[in-house]
PDB file of all heavy atoms in Angstrom:
ATOM      1  N   PHE A   1      48.872 209.710   0.980  1.00  0.00           N
ATOM      2  CA  PHE A   1      47.977 208.740   1.613  1.00  0.00           C
ATOM      3  C   PHE A   1      48.782 207.601   2.235  1.00  0.00           C
ATOM      4  O   PHE A   1      48.539 207.200   3.392  1.00  0.00           O
ATOM      5  CB  PHE A   1      46.985 208.174   0.594  1.00  0.00           C
ATOM      6  CG  PHE A   1      46.135 207.048   1.133  1.00  0.00           C
ATOM      7  CD1 PHE A   1      44.974 207.320   1.843  1.00  0.00           C
ATOM      8  CD2 PHE A   1      46.513 205.714   0.949  1.00  0.00           C
ATOM      9  CE1 PHE A   1      44.195 206.289   2.364  1.00  0.00           C
ATOM     10  CE2 PHE A   1      45.749 204.681   1.461  1.00  0.00           C
ATOM     11  CZ  PHE A   1      44.581 204.974   2.168  1.00  0.00           C
ATOM     12  N   ALA A   2      49.747 207.059   1.467  1.00  0.00           N
ATOM     13  CA  ALA A   2      50.557 205.944   1.965  1.00  0.00           C
ATOM     14  C   ALA A   2      51.405 206.363   3.168  1.00  0.00           C
ATOM     15  O   ALA A   2      51.585 205.583   4.108  1.00  0.00           O
ATOM     16  CB  ALA A   2      51.448 205.410   0.845  1.00  0.00           C
ATOM     17  N   LEU A   3      51.921 207.589   3.150  1.00  0.00           N
ATOM     18  CA  LEU A   3      52.717 208.089   4.274  1.00  0.00           C
ATOM     19  C   LEU A   3      51.892 208.136   5.558  1.00  0.00           C
ATOM     20  O   LEU A   3      52.381 207.803   6.640  1.00  0.00           O
ATOM     21  CB  LEU A   3      53.258 209.488   3.965  1.00  0.00           C
ATOM     22  CG  LEU A   3      54.551 209.572   3.152  1.00  0.00           C
ATOM     23  CD1 LEU A   3      54.848 211.008   2.776  1.00  0.00           C
ATOM     24  CD2 LEU A   3      55.726 208.967   3.933  1.00  0.00           C
ATOM     25  N   ILE A   4      50.651 208.552   5.421  1.00  0.00           N
ATOM     26  CA  ILE A   4      49.762 208.646   6.586  1.00  0.00           C
ATOM     27  C   ILE A   4      49.284 207.259   7.021  1.00  0.00           C
ATOM     28  O   ILE A   4      49.251 206.953   8.215  1.00  0.00           O
ATOM     29  CB  ILE A   4      48.552 209.554   6.274  1.00  0.00           C
ATOM     30  CG1 ILE A   4      49.018 210.997   6.023  1.00  0.00           C
ATOM     31  CG2 ILE A   4      47.531 209.523   7.414  1.00  0.00           C
ATOM     32  CD1 ILE A   4      47.950 211.901   5.461  1.00  0.00           C
ATOM     33  N   TYR A   5      48.948 206.435   6.040  1.00  0.00           N
ATOM     34  CA  TYR A   5      48.341 205.128   6.331  1.00  0.00           C
ATOM     35  C   TYR A   5      49.378 204.074   6.708  1.00  0.00           C
ATOM     36  O   TYR A   5      49.156 203.269   7.617  1.00  0.00           O
ATOM     37  CB  TYR A   5      47.540 204.664   5.108  1.00  0.00           C
ATOM     38  CG  TYR A   5      46.481 203.648   5.420  1.00  0.00           C
ATOM     39  CD1 TYR A   5      45.256 204.035   5.976  1.00  0.00           C
ATOM     40  CD2 TYR A   5      46.685 202.292   5.163  1.00  0.00           C
ATOM     41  CE1 TYR A   5      44.272 203.098   6.265  1.00  0.00           C
ATOM     42  CE2 TYR A   5      45.703 201.356   5.444  1.00  0.00           C
ATOM     43  CZ  TYR A   5      44.500 201.766   5.995  1.00  0.00           C
ATOM     44  OH  TYR A   5      43.535 200.832   6.291  1.00  0.00           O
ATOM     45  N   ASP A   6      50.497 204.051   5.979  1.00  0.00           N
ATOM     46  CA  ASP A   6      51.554 203.070   6.253  1.00  0.00           C
ATOM     47  C   ASP A   6      52.854 203.565   5.620  1.00  0.00           C
ATOM     48  O   ASP A   6      53.182 203.224   4.489  1.00  0.00           O
ATOM     49  CB  ASP A   6      51.166 201.702   5.679  1.00  0.00           C
ATOM     50  CG  ASP A   6      52.201 200.631   5.980  1.00  0.00           C
ATOM     51  OD1 ASP A   6      53.139 200.901   6.750  1.00  0.00           O
ATOM     52  OD2 ASP A   6      52.075 199.510   5.430  1.00  0.00           O
ATOM     53  N   LYS A   7      53.606 204.365   6.381  1.00  0.00           N
ATOM     54  CA  LYS A   7      54.793 205.025   5.832  1.00  0.00           C
ATOM     55  C   LYS A   7      55.913 204.056   5.449  1.00  0.00           C
ATOM     56  O   LYS A   7      56.839 204.428   4.717  1.00  0.00           O
ATOM     57  CB  LYS A   7      55.327 206.065   6.812  1.00  0.00           C
ATOM     58  CG  LYS A   7      55.824 205.514   8.133  1.00  0.00           C
ATOM     59  CD  LYS A   7      56.288 206.647   9.034  1.00  0.00           C
ATOM     60  CE  LYS A   7      56.790 206.105  10.375  1.00  0.00           C
ATOM     61  NZ  LYS A   7      57.239 207.196  11.264  1.00  0.00           N
ATOM     62  N   SER A   8      55.829 202.815   5.911  1.00  0.00           N
ATOM     63  CA  SER A   8      56.854 201.828   5.567  1.00  0.00           C
ATOM     64  C   SER A   8      56.864 201.510   4.069  1.00  0.00           C
ATOM     65  O   SER A   8      57.826 200.932   3.547  1.00  0.00           O
ATOM     66  CB  SER A   8      56.650 200.538   6.366  1.00  0.00           C
ATOM     67  OG  SER A   8      55.456 199.877   5.970  1.00  0.00           O
ATOM     68  N   GLN A   9      55.798 201.874   3.371  1.00  0.00           N
ATOM     69  CA  GLN A   9      55.685 201.596   1.934  1.00  0.00           C
ATOM     70  C   GLN A   9      56.464 202.588   1.078  1.00  0.00           C
ATOM     71  O   GLN A   9      56.712 202.351  -0.101  1.00  0.00           O
ATOM     72  CB  GLN A   9      54.209 201.628   1.507  1.00  0.00           C
ATOM     73  CG  GLN A   9      53.307 200.664   2.259  1.00  0.00           C
ATOM     74  CD  GLN A   9      53.622 199.214   1.984  1.00  0.00           C
ATOM     75  OE1 GLN A   9      54.200 198.867   0.948  1.00  0.00           O
ATOM     76  NE2 GLN A   9      53.234 198.345   2.908  1.00  0.00           N
ATOM     77  N   ILE A  10      56.860 203.714   1.668  1.00  0.00           N
ATOM     78  CA  ILE A  10      57.505 204.792   0.913  1.00  0.00           C
ATOM     79  C   ILE A  10      59.023 204.762   1.104  1.00  0.00           C
ATOM     80  O   ILE A  10      59.509 204.751   2.239  1.00  0.00           O
ATOM     81  CB  ILE A  10      56.957 206.173   1.330  1.00  0.00           C
ATOM     82  CG1 ILE A  10      55.437 206.203   1.180  1.00  0.00           C
ATOM     83  CG2 ILE A  10      57.608 207.273   0.510  1.00  0.00           C
ATOM     84  CD1 ILE A  10      54.935 205.982  -0.229  1.00  0.00           C
ATOM     85  N   HIS A  11      59.749 204.754  -0.007  1.00  0.00           N
ATOM     86  CA  HIS A  11      61.212 204.771   0.019  1.00  0.00           C
ATOM     87  C   HIS A  11      61.709 205.753  -1.038  1.00  0.00           C
ATOM     88  O   HIS A  11      60.920 206.328  -1.794  1.00  0.00           O
ATOM     89  CB  HIS A  11      61.771 203.373  -0.247  1.00  0.00           C
ATOM     90  CG  HIS A  11      61.303 202.346   0.746  1.00  0.00           C
ATOM     91  ND1 HIS A  11      61.861 202.207   1.995  1.00  0.00           N
ATOM     92  CD2 HIS A  11      60.304 201.421   0.677  1.00  0.00           C
ATOM     93  CE1 HIS A  11      61.237 201.240   2.652  1.00  0.00           C
ATOM     94  NE2 HIS A  11      60.289 200.754   1.877  1.00  0.00           N
ATOM     95  N   ILE A  12      63.013 205.916  -1.133  1.00  0.00           N
ATOM     96  CA  ILE A  12      63.594 206.883  -2.080  1.00  0.00           C
ATOM     97  C   ILE A  12      63.182 206.578  -3.519  1.00  0.00           C
ATOM     98  O   ILE A  12      62.950 207.480  -4.322  1.00  0.00           O
ATOM     99  CB  ILE A  12      65.142 206.913  -1.960  1.00  0.00           C
ATOM    100  CG1 ILE A  12      65.713 207.996  -2.897  1.00  0.00           C
ATOM    101  CG2 ILE A  12      65.749 205.547  -2.268  1.00  0.00           C
ATOM    102  CD1 ILE A  12      67.194 208.213  -2.726  1.00  0.00           C
ATOM    103  N   GLY A  13      63.081 205.286  -3.829  1.00  0.00           N
ATOM    104  CA  GLY A  13      62.712 204.911  -5.192  1.00  0.00           C
ATOM    105  C   GLY A  13      61.309 205.340  -5.565  1.00  0.00           C
ATOM    106  O   GLY A  13      61.034 205.629  -6.733  1.00  0.00           O
ATOM    107  N   THR A  14      60.420 205.392  -4.593  1.00  0.00           N
ATOM    108  CA  THR A  14      59.037 205.821  -4.833  1.00  0.00           C
ATOM    109  C   THR A  14      59.006 207.239  -5.376  1.00  0.00           C
ATOM    110  O   THR A  14      58.322 207.533  -6.360  1.00  0.00           O
ATOM    111  CB  THR A  14      58.220 205.761  -3.520  1.00  0.00           C
ATOM    112  OG1 THR A  14      58.378 204.470  -2.927  1.00  0.00           O
ATOM    113  CG2 THR A  14      56.748 206.026  -3.782  1.00  0.00           C
ATOM    114  N   VAL A  15      59.776 208.114  -4.743  1.00  0.00           N
ATOM    115  CA  VAL A  15      59.803 209.524  -5.133  1.00  0.00           C
ATOM    116  C   VAL A  15      60.592 209.723  -6.419  1.00  0.00           C
ATOM    117  O   VAL A  15      60.144 210.411  -7.340  1.00  0.00           O
ATOM    118  CB  VAL A  15      60.410 210.383  -3.994  1.00  0.00           C
ATOM    119  CG1 VAL A  15      60.467 211.848  -4.411  1.00  0.00           C
ATOM    120  CG2 VAL A  15      59.600 210.219  -2.710  1.00  0.00           C
ATOM    121  N   LEU A  16      61.779 209.102  -6.496  1.00  0.00           N
ATOM    122  CA  LEU A  16      62.634 209.264  -7.677  1.00  0.00           C
ATOM    123  C   LEU A  16      61.940 208.757  -8.935  1.00  0.00           C
ATOM    124  O   LEU A  16      61.961 209.413  -9.986  1.00  0.00           O
ATOM    125  CB  LEU A  16      63.954 208.520  -7.477  1.00  0.00           C
ATOM    126  CG  LEU A  16      64.958 208.591  -8.636  1.00  0.00           C
ATOM    127  CD1 LEU A  16      65.325 210.036  -8.939  1.00  0.00           C
ATOM    128  CD2 LEU A  16      66.207 207.767  -8.305  1.00  0.00           C
ATOM    129  N   TYR A  17      61.324 207.585  -8.827  1.00  0.00           N
ATOM    130  CA  TYR A  17      60.603 207.012  -9.969  1.00  0.00           C
ATOM    131  C   TYR A  17      59.545 207.978 -10.478  1.00  0.00           C
ATOM    132  O   TYR A  17      59.426 208.215 -11.678  1.00  0.00           O
ATOM    133  CB  TYR A  17      59.955 205.689  -9.562  1.00  0.00           C
ATOM    134  CG  TYR A  17      58.839 205.232 -10.488  1.00  0.00           C
ATOM    135  CD1 TYR A  17      59.128 204.669 -11.727  1.00  0.00           C
ATOM    136  CD2 TYR A  17      57.495 205.382 -10.136  1.00  0.00           C
ATOM    137  CE1 TYR A  17      58.113 204.248 -12.575  1.00  0.00           C
ATOM    138  CE2 TYR A  17      56.478 204.968 -10.978  1.00  0.00           C
ATOM    139  CZ  TYR A  17      56.796 204.404 -12.193  1.00  0.00           C
ATOM    140  OH  TYR A  17      55.789 204.008 -13.037  1.00  0.00           O
ATOM    141  N   GLN A  18      58.765 208.549  -9.561  1.00  0.00           N
ATOM    142  CA  GLN A  18      57.658 209.401  -9.981  1.00  0.00           C
ATOM    143  C   GLN A  18      58.136 210.689 -10.635  1.00  0.00           C
ATOM    144  O   GLN A  18      57.535 211.173 -11.595  1.00  0.00           O
ATOM    145  CB  GLN A  18      56.749 209.728  -8.793  1.00  0.00           C
ATOM    146  CG  GLN A  18      55.375 210.181  -9.220  1.00  0.00           C
ATOM    147  CD  GLN A  18      54.664 209.136 -10.073  1.00  0.00           C
ATOM    148  OE1 GLN A  18      54.529 207.984  -9.665  1.00  0.00           O
ATOM    149  NE2 GLN A  18      54.211 209.522 -11.242  1.00  0.00           N
ATOM    150  N   ILE A  19      59.235 211.257 -10.131  1.00  0.00           N
ATOM    151  CA  ILE A  19      59.779 212.479 -10.719  1.00  0.00           C
ATOM    152  C   ILE A  19      60.240 212.210 -12.153  1.00  0.00           C
ATOM    153  O   ILE A  19      59.907 212.954 -13.082  1.00  0.00           O
ATOM    154  CB  ILE A  19      60.949 213.024  -9.870  1.00  0.00           C
ATOM    155  CG1 ILE A  19      60.424 213.545  -8.525  1.00  0.00           C
ATOM    156  CG2 ILE A  19      61.686 214.138 -10.613  1.00  0.00           C
ATOM    157  CD1 ILE A  19      61.509 213.926  -7.540  1.00  0.00           C
ATOM    158  N   VAL A  20      61.016 211.141 -12.329  1.00  0.00           N
ATOM    159  CA  VAL A  20      61.525 210.785 -13.660  1.00  0.00           C
ATOM    160  C   VAL A  20      60.374 210.419 -14.590  1.00  0.00           C
ATOM    161  O   VAL A  20      60.294 210.883 -15.737  1.00  0.00           O
ATOM    162  CB  VAL A  20      62.527 209.617 -13.570  1.00  0.00           C
ATOM    163  CG1 VAL A  20      62.954 209.161 -14.973  1.00  0.00           C
ATOM    164  CG2 VAL A  20      63.744 210.011 -12.755  1.00  0.00           C
ATOM    165  N   TYR A  21      59.462 209.596 -14.091  1.00  0.00           N
ATOM    166  CA  TYR A  21      58.340 209.096 -14.882  1.00  0.00           C
ATOM    167  C   TYR A  21      57.439 210.228 -15.374  1.00  0.00           C
ATOM    168  O   TYR A  21      57.158 210.342 -16.571  1.00  0.00           O
ATOM    169  CB  TYR A  21      57.546 208.111 -14.023  1.00  0.00           C
ATOM    170  CG  TYR A  21      56.376 207.444 -14.712  1.00  0.00           C
ATOM    171  CD1 TYR A  21      56.569 206.383 -15.585  1.00  0.00           C
ATOM    172  CD2 TYR A  21      55.071 207.852 -14.458  1.00  0.00           C
ATOM    173  CE1 TYR A  21      55.499 205.751 -16.196  1.00  0.00           C
ATOM    174  CE2 TYR A  21      53.994 207.225 -15.067  1.00  0.00           C
ATOM    175  CZ  TYR A  21      54.217 206.173 -15.928  1.00  0.00           C
ATOM    176  OH  TYR A  21      53.155 205.559 -16.537  1.00  0.00           O
ATOM    177  N   SER A  22      56.995 211.092 -14.470  1.00  0.00           N
ATOM    178  CA  SER A  22      56.080 212.180 -14.835  1.00  0.00           C
ATOM    179  C   SER A  22      56.744 213.175 -15.776  1.00  0.00           C
ATOM    180  O   SER A  22      56.119 213.667 -16.717  1.00  0.00           O
ATOM    181  CB  SER A  22      55.583 212.901 -13.573  1.00  0.00           C
ATOM    182  OG  SER A  22      54.826 212.035 -12.766  1.00  0.00           O
ATOM    183  N   THR A  23      58.027 213.464 -15.530  1.00  0.00           N
ATOM    184  CA  THR A  23      58.764 214.384 -16.401  1.00  0.00           C
ATOM    185  C   THR A  23      58.868 213.823 -17.808  1.00  0.00           C
ATOM    186  O   THR A  23      58.660 214.539 -18.797  1.00  0.00           O
ATOM    187  CB  THR A  23      60.177 214.644 -15.836  1.00  0.00           C
ATOM    188  OG1 THR A  23      60.074 215.196 -14.526  1.00  0.00           O
ATOM    189  CG2 THR A  23      60.949 215.615 -16.728  1.00  0.00           C
ATOM    190  N   CYS A  24      59.183 212.530 -17.907  1.00  0.00           N
ATOM    191  CA  CYS A  24      59.339 211.904 -19.218  1.00  0.00           C
ATOM    192  C   CYS A  24      58.008 211.766 -19.951  1.00  0.00           C
ATOM    193  O   CYS A  24      57.968 211.866 -21.182  1.00  0.00           O
ATOM    194  CB  CYS A  24      59.995 210.532 -19.063  1.00  0.00           C
ATOM    195  SG  CYS A  24      61.744 210.620 -18.648  1.00  0.00           S
ATOM    196  N   VAL A  25      56.923 211.544 -19.217  1.00  0.00           N
ATOM    197  CA  VAL A  25      55.599 211.485 -19.851  1.00  0.00           C
ATOM    198  C   VAL A  25      55.324 212.801 -20.577  1.00  0.00           C
ATOM    199  O   VAL A  25      54.866 212.813 -21.722  1.00  0.00           O
ATOM    200  CB  VAL A  25      54.489 211.193 -18.816  1.00  0.00           C
ATOM    201  CG1 VAL A  25      53.108 211.492 -19.407  1.00  0.00           C
ATOM    202  CG2 VAL A  25      54.540 209.742 -18.373  1.00  0.00           C
ATOM    203  N   ASP A  26      55.619 213.909 -19.923  1.00  0.00           N
ATOM    204  CA  ASP A  26      55.426 215.224 -20.554  1.00  0.00           C
ATOM    205  C   ASP A  26      56.358 215.416 -21.747  1.00  0.00           C
ATOM    206  O   ASP A  26      55.952 215.923 -22.795  1.00  0.00           O
ATOM    207  CB  ASP A  26      55.662 216.334 -19.534  1.00  0.00           C
ATOM    208  CG  ASP A  26      54.360 216.907 -18.994  1.00  0.00           C
ATOM    209  OD1 ASP A  26      53.289 216.549 -19.522  1.00  0.00           O
ATOM    210  OD2 ASP A  26      54.395 217.700 -18.048  1.00  0.00           O
ATOM    211  N   LEU A  27      57.606 215.007 -21.598  1.00  0.00           N
ATOM    212  CA  LEU A  27      58.575 215.161 -22.689  1.00  0.00           C
ATOM    213  C   LEU A  27      58.161 214.358 -23.912  1.00  0.00           C
ATOM    214  O   LEU A  27      58.171 214.860 -25.039  1.00  0.00           O
ATOM    215  CB  LEU A  27      59.966 214.709 -22.220  1.00  0.00           C
ATOM    216  CG  LEU A  27      60.694 215.628 -21.241  1.00  0.00           C
ATOM    217  CD1 LEU A  27      61.990 214.982 -20.761  1.00  0.00           C
ATOM    218  CD2 LEU A  27      60.994 216.980 -21.884  1.00  0.00           C
ATOM    219  N   PHE A  28      57.782 213.115 -23.708  1.00  0.00           N
ATOM    220  CA  PHE A  28      57.379 212.257 -24.829  1.00  0.00           C
ATOM    221  C   PHE A  28      56.062 212.725 -25.445  1.00  0.00           C
ATOM    222  O   PHE A  28      55.848 212.604 -26.646  1.00  0.00           O
ATOM    223  CB  PHE A  28      57.272 210.802 -24.376  1.00  0.00           C
ATOM    224  CG  PHE A  28      58.584 210.187 -23.987  1.00  0.00           C
ATOM    225  CD1 PHE A  28      58.694 209.411 -22.837  1.00  0.00           C
ATOM    226  CD2 PHE A  28      59.711 210.379 -24.765  1.00  0.00           C
ATOM    227  CE1 PHE A  28      59.907 208.833 -22.475  1.00  0.00           C
ATOM    228  CE2 PHE A  28      60.930 209.814 -24.410  1.00  0.00           C
ATOM    229  CZ  PHE A  28      61.024 209.039 -23.260  1.00  0.00           C
ATOM    230  N   ALA A  29      55.170 213.246 -24.605  1.00  0.00           N
ATOM    231  CA  ALA A  29      53.875 213.728 -25.110  1.00  0.00           C
ATOM    232  C   ALA A  29      54.055 214.935 -26.024  1.00  0.00           C
ATOM    233  O   ALA A  29      53.235 215.187 -26.909  1.00  0.00           O
ATOM    234  CB  ALA A  29      52.956 214.092 -23.953  1.00  0.00           C
ATOM    235  N   ASN A  30      55.134 215.676 -25.809  1.00  0.00           N
ATOM    236  CA  ASN A  30      55.381 216.875 -26.608  1.00  0.00           C
ATOM    237  C   ASN A  30      56.268 216.620 -27.816  1.00  0.00           C
ATOM    238  O   ASN A  30      56.615 217.551 -28.546  1.00  0.00           O
ATOM    239  CB  ASN A  30      56.022 217.955 -25.729  1.00  0.00           C
ATOM    240  CG  ASN A  30      55.034 218.530 -24.728  1.00  0.00           C
ATOM    241  OD1 ASN A  30      53.870 218.718 -25.037  1.00  0.00           O
ATOM    242  ND2 ASN A  30      55.495 218.785 -23.511  1.00  0.00           N
ATOM    243  N   CYS A  31      56.681 215.356 -28.012  1.00  0.00           N
ATOM    244  CA  CYS A  31      57.495 215.015 -29.178  1.00  0.00           C
ATOM    245  C   CYS A  31      56.705 215.255 -30.463  1.00  0.00           C
ATOM    246  O   CYS A  31      55.487 215.168 -30.477  1.00  0.00           O
ATOM    247  CB  CYS A  31      57.939 213.559 -29.123  1.00  0.00           C
ATOM    248  SG  CYS A  31      59.235 213.253 -27.920  1.00  0.00           S
ATOM    249  N   HIS A  32      57.394 215.488 -31.545  1.00  0.00           N
ATOM    250  CA  HIS A  32      56.734 215.813 -32.812  1.00  0.00           C
ATOM    251  C   HIS A  32      55.852 214.681 -33.314  1.00  0.00           C
ATOM    252  O   HIS A  32      54.929 214.903 -34.082  1.00  0.00           O
ATOM    253  CB  HIS A  32      57.777 216.140 -33.880  1.00  0.00           C
ATOM    254  CG  HIS A  32      58.573 214.953 -34.319  1.00  0.00           C
ATOM    255  ND1 HIS A  32      59.666 214.482 -33.611  1.00  0.00           N
ATOM    256  CD2 HIS A  32      58.437 214.117 -35.378  1.00  0.00           C
ATOM    257  CE1 HIS A  32      60.178 213.432 -34.226  1.00  0.00           C
ATOM    258  NE2 HIS A  32      59.454 213.174 -35.295  1.00  0.00           N
ATOM    259  N   ILE A  33      56.118 213.430 -32.871  1.00  0.00           N
ATOM    260  CA  ILE A  33      55.322 212.295 -33.360  1.00  0.00           C
ATOM    261  C   ILE A  33      53.854 212.429 -32.975  1.00  0.00           C
ATOM    262  O   ILE A  33      52.966 211.896 -33.609  1.00  0.00           O
ATOM    263  CB  ILE A  33      55.893 210.970 -32.815  1.00  0.00           C
ATOM    264  CG1 ILE A  33      55.250 209.771 -33.520  1.00  0.00           C
ATOM    265  CG2 ILE A  33      55.662 210.833 -31.306  1.00  0.00           C
ATOM    266  CD1 ILE A  33      55.919 208.460 -33.194  1.00  0.00           C
ATOM    267  N   TYR A  34      53.575 213.220 -31.915  1.00  0.00           N
ATOM    268  CA  TYR A  34      52.200 213.361 -31.452  1.00  0.00           C
ATOM    269  C   TYR A  34      51.531 214.625 -31.979  1.00  0.00           C
ATOM    270  O   TYR A  34      50.365 214.851 -31.730  1.00  0.00           O
ATOM    271  CB  TYR A  34      52.159 213.409 -29.922  1.00  0.00           C
ATOM    272  CG  TYR A  34      52.855 212.261 -29.266  1.00  0.00           C
ATOM    273  CD1 TYR A  34      53.962 212.467 -28.453  1.00  0.00           C
ATOM    274  CD2 TYR A  34      52.415 210.955 -29.461  1.00  0.00           C
ATOM    275  CE1 TYR A  34      54.613 211.400 -27.849  1.00  0.00           C
ATOM    276  CE2 TYR A  34      53.064 209.885 -28.863  1.00  0.00           C
ATOM    277  CZ  TYR A  34      54.152 210.115 -28.057  1.00  0.00           C
ATOM    278  OH  TYR A  34      54.791 209.075 -27.458  1.00  0.00           O
ATOM    279  N   SER A  35      52.273 215.457 -32.692  1.00  0.00           N
ATOM    280  CA  SER A  35      51.786 216.793 -33.029  1.00  0.00           C
ATOM    281  C   SER A  35      50.620 216.810 -34.015  1.00  0.00           C
ATOM    282  O   SER A  35      49.936 217.814 -34.140  1.00  0.00           O
ATOM    283  CB  SER A  35      52.930 217.640 -33.594  1.00  0.00           C
ATOM    284  OG  SER A  35      53.411 217.069 -34.791  1.00  0.00           O
TER     285      SER A  35
END
């Protein structure tokens, strides 16, 4: 949406942050503390 509406808002950090963040959310959610 941001790319279409205003691409100036998107930078490398936007993508990198989301990849790391989403991956870690899954990793932490699967830790034994939540089992």
